[in-house]
Amino acid sequence: MSVDERKLEDQQLIQKARNGDQKAFEQLLNKYRNLVYHVMLRMVRNPQEAEDLCQEAFIKAFSALQSFNEEFAFSTWLMKIASNNCIDFLRKKKLRTYSIDEPVKYKDEQVQFELPDHDPTPERQIIDRERSKMIDDAIQALPPRYRQVIVLRHKEEKSYEEISELLQLPLGTVKARIFRAREMLNKNIRDIF
């Protein structure tokens, strides 16, 4: 069977499977099962894990079948799903976890985890809120053309190019206005603090 014939056969099976024909998907599964299994086995070197990953890959492929782009080979798409799933599995497997409630043995001693509290104190929260309000007030006090660019850049996190496009201004003008707005803010905020 030529590559084109295989691709045509896959497309017909995919179309049937998309329309709810489970036997068509079963045929795809049988056709590619060994390929997926052997690739998974090479990656994890454990037959049971390879089998589980193979099944997960087919479940994910079946769930995503509607999004399959027929311009590409089904086998390539399926292997990408299987490989990504396997990589996620290996990442999770490598993560060593420790209980923060249980002591850990370190150099023949039991060490208890003590995690510092990094949450700001109520006083710090009030100070931060006040500072944020003062900065917002300073931004509101800017002339509209400077306020507009500073809000787009720092509140909405737009790029210079996006701001230029949104406001239909030359890129150099946007940069100059942002520079000038920052200067004004620095002066106003320095006066406050």
N, C-alpha and C. Protein backbone atom coordinates (compact mmCIF):
# COMPACT_ATOMS: atom_id res chain seq x y z
N MET A 1 0.85 -1.19 0.00
CA MET A 1 0.00 0.00 0.00
C MET A 1 0.89 1.24 0.00
N SER A 2 0.64 2.17 -0.91
CA SER A 2 1.45 3.39 -1.01
C SER A 2 1.09 4.36 0.11
N VAL A 3 1.93 5.37 0.27
CA VAL A 3 1.70 6.39 1.30
C VAL A 3 0.38 7.10 1.06
N ASP A 4 0.10 7.43 -0.20
CA ASP A 4 -1.16 8.11 -0.54
C ASP A 4 -2.37 7.24 -0.23
N GLU A 5 -2.26 5.94 -0.51
CA GLU A 5 -3.37 5.02 -0.22
C GLU A 5 -3.61 4.91 1.28
N ARG A 6 -2.50 4.85 2.03
CA ARG A 6 -2.63 4.79 3.50
C ARG A 6 -3.27 6.05 4.04
N LYS A 7 -2.85 7.20 3.51
CA LYS A 7 -3.41 8.48 3.96
C LYS A 7 -4.90 8.56 3.63
N LEU A 8 -5.27 8.12 2.45
CA LEU A 8 -6.68 8.11 2.04
C LEU A 8 -7.49 7.19 2.94
N GLU A 9 -6.94 6.01 3.23
CA GLU A 9 -7.63 5.07 4.11
C GLU A 9 -7.81 5.68 5.51
N ASP A 10 -6.75 6.32 6.02
CA ASP A 10 -6.83 6.98 7.33
C ASP A 10 -7.90 8.07 7.32
N GLN A 11 -7.93 8.87 6.26
CA GLN A 11 -8.91 9.96 6.18
C GLN A 11 -10.34 9.42 6.20
N GLN A 12 -10.56 8.30 5.51
CA GLN A 12 -11.90 7.70 5.50
C GLN A 12 -12.26 7.18 6.89
N LEU A 13 -11.30 6.53 7.55
CA LEU A 13 -11.56 6.02 8.90
C LEU A 13 -11.79 7.17 9.88
N ILE A 14 -11.01 8.23 9.74
CA ILE A 14 -11.17 9.39 10.63
C ILE A 14 -12.54 10.01 10.45
N GLN A 15 -12.97 10.16 9.20
CA GLN A 15 -14.28 10.74 8.92
C GLN A 15 -15.39 9.90 9.55
N LYS A 16 -15.28 8.58 9.42
CA LYS A 16 -16.27 7.68 10.02
C LYS A 16 -16.24 7.80 11.54
N ALA A 17 -15.02 7.84 12.11
CA ALA A 17 -14.88 7.94 13.57
C ALA A 17 -15.46 9.26 14.07
N ARG A 18 -15.24 10.33 13.32
CA ARG A 18 -15.81 11.64 13.69
C ARG A 18 -17.33 11.59 13.70
N ASN A 19 -17.90 10.75 12.86
CA ASN A 19 -19.36 10.61 12.80
C ASN A 19 -19.89 9.58 13.78
N GLY A 20 -19.02 9.13 14.70
CA GLY A 20 -19.48 8.23 15.76
C GLY A 20 -19.25 6.75 15.51
N ASP A 21 -18.58 6.39 14.44
CA ASP A 21 -18.32 4.98 14.13
C ASP A 21 -17.13 4.50 14.96
N GLN A 22 -17.43 3.76 16.03
CA GLN A 22 -16.38 3.29 16.93
C GLN A 22 -15.49 2.24 16.27
N LYS A 23 -16.06 1.46 15.38
CA LYS A 23 -15.27 0.44 14.69
C LYS A 23 -14.18 1.09 13.83
N ALA A 24 -14.49 2.22 13.25
CA ALA A 24 -13.49 2.93 12.44
C ALA A 24 -12.33 3.39 13.32
N PHE A 25 -12.65 3.91 14.51
CA PHE A 25 -11.58 4.33 15.40
C PHE A 25 -10.80 3.11 15.89
N GLU A 26 -11.50 2.02 16.12
CA GLU A 26 -10.85 0.77 16.52
C GLU A 26 -9.84 0.32 15.46
N GLN A 27 -10.21 0.49 14.20
CA GLN A 27 -9.30 0.13 13.11
C GLN A 27 -8.05 1.02 13.14
N LEU A 28 -8.24 2.31 13.39
CA LEU A 28 -7.10 3.21 13.52
C LEU A 28 -6.22 2.80 14.70
N LEU A 29 -6.87 2.46 15.80
CA LEU A 29 -6.15 2.02 16.99
C LEU A 29 -5.32 0.79 16.68
N ASN A 30 -5.93 -0.20 16.04
CA ASN A 30 -5.21 -1.44 15.70
C ASN A 30 -4.07 -1.18 14.73
N LYS A 31 -4.28 -0.25 13.84
CA LYS A 31 -3.28 0.06 12.82
C LYS A 31 -2.02 0.70 13.42
N TYR A 32 -2.21 1.56 14.43
CA TYR A 32 -1.08 2.33 14.96
C TYR A 32 -0.67 1.94 16.38
N ARG A 33 -1.36 0.98 16.96
CA ARG A 33 -1.10 0.61 18.34
C ARG A 33 0.35 0.19 18.57
N ASN A 34 0.86 -0.71 17.74
CA ASN A 34 2.24 -1.19 17.93
C ASN A 34 3.26 -0.07 17.80
N LEU A 35 3.06 0.80 16.84
CA LEU A 35 3.98 1.92 16.66
C LEU A 35 4.02 2.79 17.92
N VAL A 36 2.85 3.18 18.40
CA VAL A 36 2.78 4.03 19.60
C VAL A 36 3.36 3.30 20.80
N TYR A 37 3.00 2.04 20.97
CA TYR A 37 3.49 1.26 22.11
C TYR A 37 5.02 1.19 22.11
N HIS A 38 5.61 0.88 20.96
CA HIS A 38 7.07 0.73 20.92
C HIS A 38 7.80 2.05 21.14
N VAL A 39 7.25 3.13 20.67
CA VAL A 39 7.86 4.43 20.94
C VAL A 39 7.76 4.75 22.44
N MET A 40 6.61 4.48 23.03
CA MET A 40 6.44 4.72 24.47
C MET A 40 7.40 3.83 25.28
N LEU A 41 7.53 2.58 24.85
CA LEU A 41 8.42 1.64 25.54
C LEU A 41 9.86 2.14 25.49
N ARG A 42 10.28 2.66 24.34
CA ARG A 42 11.64 3.20 24.24
C ARG A 42 11.82 4.40 25.16
N MET A 43 10.77 5.16 25.36
CA MET A 43 10.89 6.37 26.18
C MET A 43 10.86 6.06 27.68
N VAL A 44 10.01 5.11 28.10
CA VAL A 44 9.86 4.86 29.55
C VAL A 44 10.55 3.59 30.03
N ARG A 45 10.86 2.67 29.11
CA ARG A 45 11.55 1.41 29.43
C ARG A 45 10.82 0.58 30.48
N ASN A 46 9.51 0.63 30.42
CA ASN A 46 8.69 -0.16 31.34
C ASN A 46 7.44 -0.56 30.57
N PRO A 47 7.25 -1.88 30.33
CA PRO A 47 6.12 -2.33 29.50
C PRO A 47 4.75 -1.89 30.02
N GLN A 48 4.54 -1.94 31.34
CA GLN A 48 3.24 -1.57 31.88
C GLN A 48 2.98 -0.07 31.70
N GLU A 49 3.99 0.74 31.99
CA GLU A 49 3.84 2.19 31.81
C GLU A 49 3.65 2.53 30.34
N ALA A 50 4.36 1.82 29.46
CA ALA A 50 4.22 2.05 28.02
C ALA A 50 2.80 1.72 27.58
N GLU A 51 2.25 0.64 28.10
CA GLU A 51 0.88 0.24 27.77
C GLU A 51 -0.11 1.31 28.24
N ASP A 52 0.06 1.78 29.47
CA ASP A 52 -0.82 2.82 30.01
C ASP A 52 -0.72 4.11 29.18
N LEU A 53 0.49 4.50 28.84
CA LEU A 53 0.69 5.71 28.04
C LEU A 53 0.09 5.57 26.65
N CYS A 54 0.19 4.37 26.10
CA CYS A 54 -0.38 4.09 24.79
C CYS A 54 -1.90 4.27 24.84
N GLN A 55 -2.53 3.71 25.86
CA GLN A 55 -3.98 3.85 26.02
C GLN A 55 -4.38 5.32 26.21
N GLU A 56 -3.63 6.02 27.05
CA GLU A 56 -3.92 7.45 27.27
C GLU A 56 -3.82 8.24 25.98
N ALA A 57 -2.82 7.93 25.18
CA ALA A 57 -2.63 8.63 23.90
C ALA A 57 -3.83 8.43 22.99
N PHE A 58 -4.34 7.20 22.92
CA PHE A 58 -5.49 6.94 22.06
C PHE A 58 -6.76 7.60 22.61
N ILE A 59 -6.89 7.65 23.92
CA ILE A 59 -8.05 8.32 24.51
C ILE A 59 -7.99 9.82 24.18
N LYS A 60 -6.81 10.42 24.33
CA LYS A 60 -6.66 11.84 24.02
C LYS A 60 -6.89 12.10 22.53
N ALA A 61 -6.38 11.20 21.70
CA ALA A 61 -6.57 11.36 20.25
C ALA A 61 -8.05 11.27 19.89
N PHE A 62 -8.74 10.32 20.49
CA PHE A 62 -10.17 10.17 20.21
C PHE A 62 -10.93 11.42 20.64
N SER A 63 -10.57 11.96 21.81
CA SER A 63 -11.23 13.16 22.32
C SER A 63 -10.97 14.38 21.44
N ALA A 64 -9.80 14.41 20.81
CA ALA A 64 -9.42 15.57 20.00
C ALA A 64 -9.59 15.33 18.50
N LEU A 65 -10.24 14.26 18.14
CA LEU A 65 -10.36 13.88 16.72
C LEU A 65 -11.00 14.97 15.87
N GLN A 66 -11.94 15.71 16.45
CA GLN A 66 -12.60 16.78 15.68
C GLN A 66 -11.63 17.88 15.28
N SER A 67 -10.55 18.04 16.05
CA SER A 67 -9.59 19.11 15.74
C SER A 67 -8.45 18.65 14.83
N PHE A 68 -8.46 17.38 14.44
CA PHE A 68 -7.41 16.86 13.55
C PHE A 68 -7.47 17.55 12.20
N ASN A 69 -6.33 18.03 11.73
CA ASN A 69 -6.21 18.69 10.43
C ASN A 69 -5.77 17.66 9.40
N GLU A 70 -6.62 17.39 8.43
CA GLU A 70 -6.36 16.32 7.47
C GLU A 70 -5.25 16.63 6.48
N GLU A 71 -4.70 17.83 6.55
CA GLU A 71 -3.55 18.14 5.69
C GLU A 71 -2.32 17.36 6.14
N PHE A 72 -2.33 16.93 7.40
CA PHE A 72 -1.18 16.22 7.96
C PHE A 72 -1.50 14.74 8.09
N ALA A 73 -0.45 13.95 8.25
CA ALA A 73 -0.64 12.50 8.42
C ALA A 73 -1.18 12.23 9.81
N PHE A 74 -2.14 11.31 9.89
CA PHE A 74 -2.72 10.94 11.17
C PHE A 74 -1.65 10.38 12.10
N SER A 75 -0.73 9.58 11.55
CA SER A 75 0.31 8.96 12.38
C SER A 75 1.19 10.03 13.04
N THR A 76 1.50 11.10 12.32
CA THR A 76 2.32 12.19 12.87
C THR A 76 1.57 12.88 14.00
N TRP A 77 0.31 13.17 13.77
CA TRP A 77 -0.53 13.82 14.78
C TRP A 77 -0.65 12.95 16.03
N LEU A 78 -0.90 11.67 15.82
CA LEU A 78 -1.04 10.73 16.93
C LEU A 78 0.26 10.62 17.72
N MET A 79 1.39 10.53 17.02
CA MET A 79 2.67 10.40 17.70
C MET A 79 3.00 11.67 18.49
N LYS A 80 2.57 12.82 18.00
CA LYS A 80 2.80 14.07 18.73
C LYS A 80 2.01 14.05 20.04
N ILE A 81 0.78 13.59 19.98
CA ILE A 81 -0.05 13.47 21.19
C ILE A 81 0.61 12.50 22.17
N ALA A 82 1.02 11.34 21.66
CA ALA A 82 1.63 10.31 22.50
C ALA A 82 2.94 10.82 23.12
N SER A 83 3.77 11.46 22.32
CA SER A 83 5.06 11.96 22.82
C SER A 83 4.86 13.03 23.89
N ASN A 84 3.97 13.98 23.64
CA ASN A 84 3.71 15.03 24.63
C ASN A 84 3.18 14.44 25.93
N ASN A 85 2.29 13.47 25.82
CA ASN A 85 1.74 12.80 26.99
C ASN A 85 2.86 12.10 27.77
N CYS A 86 3.75 11.44 27.05
CA CYS A 86 4.86 10.73 27.67
C CYS A 86 5.82 11.70 28.35
N ILE A 87 6.11 12.80 27.70
CA ILE A 87 7.00 13.81 28.28
C ILE A 87 6.40 14.36 29.57
N ASP A 88 5.10 14.63 29.57
CA ASP A 88 4.42 15.09 30.79
C ASP A 88 4.55 14.05 31.90
N PHE A 89 4.34 12.79 31.53
CA PHE A 89 4.44 11.69 32.49
C PHE A 89 5.85 11.64 33.09
N LEU A 90 6.87 11.73 32.24
CA LEU A 90 8.25 11.65 32.72
C LEU A 90 8.61 12.84 33.60
N ARG A 91 8.09 14.01 33.26
CA ARG A 91 8.33 15.19 34.10
C ARG A 91 7.75 14.97 35.50
N LYS A 92 6.51 14.51 35.53
CA LYS A 92 5.85 14.29 36.83
C LYS A 92 6.59 13.22 37.63
N LYS A 93 7.08 12.22 36.94
CA LYS A 93 7.76 11.12 37.61
C LYS A 93 9.09 11.58 38.21
N LYS A 94 9.75 12.53 37.56
CA LYS A 94 11.04 13.01 38.05
C LYS A 94 10.92 13.90 39.27
N LEU A 95 9.77 14.52 39.45
CA LEU A 95 9.61 15.42 40.58
C LEU A 95 9.60 14.64 41.88
N ARG A 96 10.60 14.86 42.69
CA ARG A 96 10.62 14.22 44.00
C ARG A 96 9.86 15.13 44.95
N THR A 97 8.96 14.56 45.67
CA THR A 97 8.17 15.37 46.59
C THR A 97 8.45 14.94 48.03
N TYR A 98 8.36 15.89 48.89
CA TYR A 98 8.56 15.65 50.32
C TYR A 98 7.39 16.24 51.07
N SER A 99 7.04 15.58 52.14
CA SER A 99 6.00 16.12 53.00
C SER A 99 6.60 17.20 53.88
N ILE A 100 5.93 18.32 53.98
CA ILE A 100 6.45 19.37 54.86
C ILE A 100 6.08 19.10 56.32
N ASP A 101 5.23 18.09 56.52
CA ASP A 101 4.84 17.74 57.88
C ASP A 101 5.78 16.71 58.50
N GLU A 102 6.45 15.94 57.65
CA GLU A 102 7.32 14.88 58.14
C GLU A 102 8.77 15.34 58.13
N PRO A 103 9.54 14.99 59.17
CA PRO A 103 10.97 15.34 59.17
C PRO A 103 11.70 14.58 58.05
N VAL A 104 12.77 15.16 57.57
CA VAL A 104 13.58 14.56 56.51
C VAL A 104 14.93 14.19 57.10
N LYS A 105 15.42 13.01 56.71
CA LYS A 105 16.72 12.59 57.22
C LYS A 105 17.81 13.30 56.41
N TYR A 106 18.72 13.96 57.13
CA TYR A 106 19.82 14.67 56.49
C TYR A 106 21.05 14.53 57.37
N LYS A 107 22.09 13.88 56.84
CA LYS A 107 23.33 13.66 57.58
C LYS A 107 23.06 13.06 58.96
N ASP A 108 22.36 11.95 58.97
CA ASP A 108 22.04 11.20 60.20
C ASP A 108 21.23 12.00 61.21
N GLU A 109 20.57 13.06 60.78
CA GLU A 109 19.71 13.83 61.67
C GLU A 109 18.33 13.96 61.03
N GLN A 110 17.34 14.16 61.86
CA GLN A 110 15.99 14.44 61.37
C GLN A 110 15.82 15.95 61.33
N VAL A 111 15.52 16.46 60.15
CA VAL A 111 15.36 17.90 59.98
C VAL A 111 13.90 18.19 59.70
N GLN A 112 13.34 19.12 60.44
CA GLN A 112 11.94 19.52 60.26
C GLN A 112 11.91 20.73 59.33
N PHE A 113 10.98 20.71 58.39
CA PHE A 113 10.83 21.87 57.51
C PHE A 113 10.19 23.01 58.28
N GLU A 114 10.75 24.17 58.15
CA GLU A 114 10.14 25.36 58.71
C GLU A 114 10.02 26.38 57.59
N LEU A 115 8.81 26.63 57.20
CA LEU A 115 8.57 27.54 56.09
C LEU A 115 8.22 28.92 56.62
N PRO A 116 8.98 29.92 56.21
CA PRO A 116 8.68 31.28 56.68
C PRO A 116 7.41 31.81 56.04
N ASP A 117 6.74 32.67 56.76
CA ASP A 117 5.53 33.30 56.24
C ASP A 117 5.93 34.55 55.47
N HIS A 118 5.71 34.52 54.15
CA HIS A 118 6.09 35.66 53.31
C HIS A 118 4.92 36.59 53.03
N ASP A 119 3.77 36.30 53.60
CA ASP A 119 2.63 37.18 53.38
C ASP A 119 2.90 38.52 54.05
N PRO A 120 2.49 39.59 53.39
CA PRO A 120 2.71 40.90 54.00
C PRO A 120 1.86 41.06 55.26
N THR A 121 2.40 41.81 56.19
CA THR A 121 1.67 42.07 57.43
C THR A 121 0.49 42.99 57.10
N PRO A 122 -0.49 43.08 57.98
CA PRO A 122 -1.61 43.99 57.74
C PRO A 122 -1.13 45.44 57.53
N GLU A 123 -0.12 45.85 58.29
CA GLU A 123 0.43 47.20 58.11
C GLU A 123 0.99 47.38 56.70
N ARG A 124 1.76 46.37 56.25
CA ARG A 124 2.37 46.43 54.92
C ARG A 124 1.30 46.47 53.84
N GLN A 125 0.21 45.71 54.05
CA GLN A 125 -0.88 45.70 53.07
C GLN A 125 -1.52 47.09 52.96
N ILE A 126 -1.71 47.74 54.09
CA ILE A 126 -2.30 49.09 54.10
C ILE A 126 -1.37 50.07 53.40
N ILE A 127 -0.07 50.00 53.71
CA ILE A 127 0.91 50.89 53.08
C ILE A 127 0.93 50.66 51.57
N ASP A 128 0.95 49.39 51.15
CA ASP A 128 0.96 49.07 49.72
C ASP A 128 -0.29 49.58 49.01
N ARG A 129 -1.44 49.42 49.68
CA ARG A 129 -2.71 49.89 49.10
C ARG A 129 -2.69 51.41 48.93
N GLU A 130 -2.20 52.10 49.97
CA GLU A 130 -2.12 53.57 49.92
C GLU A 130 -1.16 54.02 48.82
N ARG A 131 -0.02 53.35 48.75
CA ARG A 131 0.97 53.69 47.72
C ARG A 131 0.38 53.47 46.33
N SER A 132 -0.33 52.37 46.15
CA SER A 132 -0.95 52.07 44.86
C SER A 132 -1.99 53.13 44.50
N LYS A 133 -2.76 53.56 45.50
CA LYS A 133 -3.77 54.60 45.26
C LYS A 133 -3.10 55.92 44.87
N MET A 134 -2.00 56.25 45.54
CA MET A 134 -1.29 57.49 45.21
C MET A 134 -0.73 57.44 43.78
N ILE A 135 -0.21 56.29 43.39
CA ILE A 135 0.31 56.14 42.03
C ILE A 135 -0.82 56.25 41.02
N ASP A 136 -1.96 55.61 41.32
CA ASP A 136 -3.13 55.73 40.43
C ASP A 136 -3.58 57.18 40.31
N ASP A 137 -3.59 57.89 41.45
CA ASP A 137 -3.96 59.31 41.43
C ASP A 137 -2.98 60.12 40.58
N ALA A 138 -1.69 59.80 40.71
CA ALA A 138 -0.67 60.50 39.92
C ALA A 138 -0.86 60.23 38.43
N ILE A 139 -1.23 59.00 38.09
CA ILE A 139 -1.50 58.66 36.68
C ILE A 139 -2.72 59.43 36.19
N GLN A 140 -3.77 59.50 37.01
CA GLN A 140 -4.98 60.22 36.63
C GLN A 140 -4.72 61.72 36.44
N ALA A 141 -3.71 62.24 37.14
CA ALA A 141 -3.39 63.67 37.05
C ALA A 141 -2.61 64.01 35.78
N LEU A 142 -2.11 63.00 35.08
CA LEU A 142 -1.37 63.25 33.83
C LEU A 142 -2.30 63.81 32.76
N PRO A 143 -1.76 64.61 31.85
CA PRO A 143 -2.57 65.03 30.70
C PRO A 143 -3.05 63.79 29.93
N PRO A 144 -4.24 63.84 29.36
CA PRO A 144 -4.85 62.66 28.73
C PRO A 144 -3.95 61.90 27.75
N ARG A 145 -3.19 62.62 26.91
CA ARG A 145 -2.39 61.90 25.91
C ARG A 145 -1.26 61.10 26.56
N TYR A 146 -0.77 61.54 27.73
CA TYR A 146 0.27 60.80 28.45
C TYR A 146 -0.35 59.70 29.30
N ARG A 147 -1.48 60.02 29.91
CA ARG A 147 -2.18 59.03 30.74
C ARG A 147 -2.55 57.81 29.90
N GLN A 148 -3.06 58.07 28.71
CA GLN A 148 -3.51 57.00 27.82
C GLN A 148 -2.38 56.01 27.51
N VAL A 149 -1.20 56.51 27.14
CA VAL A 149 -0.11 55.60 26.78
C VAL A 149 0.45 54.87 27.99
N ILE A 150 0.49 55.54 29.14
CA ILE A 150 1.05 54.90 30.34
C ILE A 150 0.11 53.80 30.83
N VAL A 151 -1.20 54.03 30.74
CA VAL A 151 -2.17 53.00 31.13
C VAL A 151 -2.07 51.80 30.20
N LEU A 152 -1.99 52.06 28.90
CA LEU A 152 -1.88 50.96 27.94
C LEU A 152 -0.60 50.16 28.15
N ARG A 153 0.49 50.86 28.45
CA ARG A 153 1.78 50.19 28.59
C ARG A 153 1.89 49.43 29.92
N HIS A 154 1.52 50.07 31.02
CA HIS A 154 1.80 49.48 32.33
C HIS A 154 0.61 48.80 33.00
N LYS A 155 -0.58 49.22 32.70
CA LYS A 155 -1.76 48.56 33.30
C LYS A 155 -2.24 47.42 32.41
N GLU A 156 -2.30 47.70 31.11
CA GLU A 156 -2.80 46.68 30.17
C GLU A 156 -1.67 45.88 29.53
N GLU A 157 -0.43 46.23 29.85
CA GLU A 157 0.77 45.52 29.40
C GLU A 157 0.85 45.34 27.89
N LYS A 158 0.51 46.39 27.17
CA LYS A 158 0.61 46.38 25.71
C LYS A 158 2.04 46.71 25.29
N SER A 159 2.45 46.17 24.15
CA SER A 159 3.77 46.49 23.61
C SER A 159 3.71 47.87 22.96
N TYR A 160 4.88 48.43 22.70
CA TYR A 160 4.93 49.73 22.01
C TYR A 160 4.22 49.63 20.67
N GLU A 161 4.45 48.54 19.97
CA GLU A 161 3.84 48.35 18.65
C GLU A 161 2.32 48.29 18.74
N GLU A 162 1.81 47.57 19.76
CA GLU A 162 0.35 47.47 19.94
C GLU A 162 -0.25 48.84 20.24
N ILE A 163 0.43 49.61 21.08
CA ILE A 163 -0.06 50.95 21.42
C ILE A 163 -0.07 51.82 20.17
N SER A 164 1.01 51.74 19.39
CA SER A 164 1.10 52.50 18.15
C SER A 164 -0.06 52.18 17.23
N GLU A 165 -0.37 50.90 17.12
CA GLU A 165 -1.47 50.46 16.25
C GLU A 165 -2.82 50.91 16.81
N LEU A 166 -3.03 50.72 18.11
CA LEU A 166 -4.30 51.10 18.74
C LEU A 166 -4.59 52.59 18.61
N LEU A 167 -3.58 53.41 18.85
CA LEU A 167 -3.78 54.86 18.85
C LEU A 167 -3.50 55.49 17.49
N GLN A 168 -3.07 54.67 16.57
CA GLN A 168 -2.73 55.14 15.22
C GLN A 168 -1.73 56.29 15.29
N LEU A 169 -0.66 56.03 16.05
CA LEU A 169 0.43 56.99 16.21
C LEU A 169 1.73 56.35 15.73
N PRO A 170 2.68 57.15 15.26
CA PRO A 170 3.99 56.58 14.92
C PRO A 170 4.65 55.99 16.17
N LEU A 171 5.44 54.95 15.98
CA LEU A 171 6.09 54.27 17.09
C LEU A 171 6.96 55.23 17.90
N GLY A 172 7.67 56.11 17.23
CA GLY A 172 8.52 57.09 17.91
C GLY A 172 7.72 58.01 18.82
N THR A 173 6.54 58.40 18.39
CA THR A 173 5.66 59.26 19.19
C THR A 173 5.21 58.53 20.45
N VAL A 174 4.86 57.26 20.29
CA VAL A 174 4.44 56.45 21.44
C VAL A 174 5.57 56.37 22.46
N LYS A 175 6.77 56.06 21.99
CA LYS A 175 7.93 55.95 22.90
C LYS A 175 8.20 57.28 23.60
N ALA A 176 8.12 58.37 22.85
CA ALA A 176 8.37 59.70 23.43
C ALA A 176 7.33 60.04 24.49
N ARG A 177 6.06 59.72 24.21
CA ARG A 177 5.00 60.02 25.19
C ARG A 177 5.17 59.18 26.45
N ILE A 178 5.52 57.92 26.28
CA ILE A 178 5.72 57.06 27.46
C ILE A 178 6.90 57.58 28.27
N PHE A 179 7.97 57.96 27.61
CA PHE A 179 9.14 58.52 28.30
C PHE A 179 8.75 59.77 29.08
N ARG A 180 8.02 60.66 28.42
CA ARG A 180 7.60 61.92 29.06
C ARG A 180 6.64 61.64 30.22
N ALA A 181 5.72 60.70 30.03
CA ALA A 181 4.77 60.35 31.10
C ALA A 181 5.51 59.79 32.31
N ARG A 182 6.52 58.97 32.08
CA ARG A 182 7.30 58.41 33.19
C ARG A 182 8.05 59.52 33.94
N GLU A 183 8.60 60.46 33.18
CA GLU A 183 9.28 61.60 33.82
C GLU A 183 8.32 62.37 34.73
N MET A 184 7.12 62.65 34.21
CA MET A 184 6.11 63.37 34.99
C MET A 184 5.73 62.58 36.24
N LEU A 185 5.52 61.27 36.07
CA LEU A 185 5.16 60.43 37.21
C LEU A 185 6.27 60.41 38.24
N ASN A 186 7.52 60.25 37.79
CA ASN A 186 8.65 60.25 38.74
C ASN A 186 8.69 61.53 39.55
N LYS A 187 8.49 62.65 38.89
CA LYS A 187 8.51 63.94 39.59
C LYS A 187 7.36 64.02 40.58
N ASN A 188 6.15 63.68 40.14
CA ASN A 188 4.97 63.75 41.01
C ASN A 188 5.09 62.78 42.18
N ILE A 189 5.57 61.58 41.92
CA ILE A 189 5.66 60.58 42.98
C ILE A 189 6.77 60.94 43.95
N ARG A 190 7.89 61.48 43.45
CA ARG A 190 8.96 61.92 44.34
C ARG A 190 8.45 62.99 45.29
N ASP A 191 7.61 63.86 44.80
CA ASP A 191 7.03 64.92 45.64
C ASP A 191 6.14 64.32 46.73
N ILE A 192 5.44 63.22 46.39
CA ILE A 192 4.54 62.57 47.36
C ILE A 192 5.34 61.82 48.42
N PHE A 193 6.35 61.08 47.98
CA PHE A 193 7.10 60.24 48.91
C PHE A 193 8.31 60.98 49.41
